[in-house]
């Protein structure tokens, strides 16, 4: 019988705080060795747990191979192979990896759909006895929910067309329904092949429900409106609780992956779309847990480096990322992830030489976004030239800027917001005869680096540079309005992160005195609204914050980073305690 600690609540998303940490079968079942060709659900789970162990010992290809063997006929092997491919795709955002993950997950969807229980209309008229289900049928229901949900998430990345959004929303619905069935099963089923299969099933329900809620709570407004129309909603707190419950089920195949997903959420996702609030304590606790279970995993120095960065300790962050690079060579994508972070750490310190070197390395070695990397390379060289007066760099800068628009990639006919921005700025550079104003800090804002670092020792030098540039504007003429307002925006952001929110609002309000003369950088006005909303949140003036966020959403359209502004606004307003879950701009 399922223990009390593993029972899910009746509503989708209710999680637990305490779980058994035993890694052995609580009912005395002997675990089947990986070498034994046992393809029962129990045997597959044992093989998946071994694959997870290999994965977190940096033997990624062995882990994949273990799941790939005969996987097309076995639920958990197919699901695990798809899951690892899905994680690799998210780590790189490279098109070939995304396409590979999609194909792997489609196979898992097809297999699990064929093996799960299918209901007739008569089944809905009588009470279901879940003890009558075979072990394969109930685990197929969970595998189907996991596969279809992961497929929906990764498809949104590949194709953001309206048709794709509708297909993705339907997949969300299928996954939602299956997770609800799985929660009922864990509550009511009393017969299990082994304690191993019961705990793995419980872990899967928690992990899937957690990812579901987190993904929906952070979805872009356009996606969220479709999902809510279809009856879906997600809560961040439930998502965190559920993933934590999965992580605490030690010894299951999903537990270490749940830890990684929580680390990705707290250290990367929420800092990329957040407004400066960071849960350092939670990240430290998760790293301690990971260190106790997977001390040799490459993910440990990788996330430790990110923790150092969030604390404003760039030198130790760089050391930790370099340590992660040296630990493994199988997945070069992880090298790119580390080099990406190293580049930012050098850039926020104003070490433009090293920052440009790493941007150049990324544009040559990573397929993720050569357009973005090339623009950053040119911008860091530009900052170096302005600082050192080394005009020998001009040819490299000009060549790179001209190359940027030719490198723009498209997914389903659309480019990403940040690539659109890079192309627009590169074109503006050429139109203006090679002149820019603190372009690196502008990139920091687009990538939300200010919210990631917000350490005084790093913010204050940036603010000083911005102030020096502002003093050059003895008179604001129409031709220079864009640059002047950009500097005001950056100054307002810096002041907010230095806990000078009242001063920040004063500076940001000045932007609207010049709004009629902004000619090219139309993103500045909605960003100013967003920043005024964030400053008012810090001042606990929540009505004003809500009003400014609504303006950021509804008053401005068709600028390159519109989606970014919408997502950040959504996340910021959700952070206000007491706010209901209704979409605030409706």
Foldseek 3Di string as FASTA:
>chain_A
DQDPQLAADLDQQRFHDDDDQDQDFPVPDDQDDLVDPDQDPSNLQNLLLVLLLCVQLVNNVVSLVSLVVVNLQGQSSLLSNLVSLLVLCVLFVFPVSLVVSLVSLVSNLVNLVVQADDDDPVPVVDDDQLQVDDLSRLVSLLSNLSSLLSNLVSQCSQDVDPVSLVVSLVSLVSSVVSLSVLSVCLVRHDDDPTSLSSLLSSLSSLQSSLVSQCCQLLDFPVSNVVNVVVPDHHDNVSSLNSLSNSLSRHNGSCNVVSLVVVLCVQLPVCLQLEQQDGDLVVNVVSLVSCCVPRVLGLVNLQSVLSSCQLQVNLVSSLVSLVVSVVSHDPSCSSVLSSLVSNLVSCVLVLVLVSNLVSLVVCLVPGNNAVLLSLLSNLLSLVSVCVVVVPCVCVVVNLVSLVCNVVRFDDRNRHGALSSVVSVLVSVVCVVVVNDDDNVSLVVCVLRSVCSRRLDCVRLVVVLVSLVVVLVVCPDDDLVCLQVNLVSLLSNLSSCVSVVNLVVSLVSLVVNVVCLVSDDRPNLSQLSSLQSNLLSVVSVVVNVSSLVSLLCSLPVDDDDSCSSSSSSSSSNSNSPDPPDDRPRSND
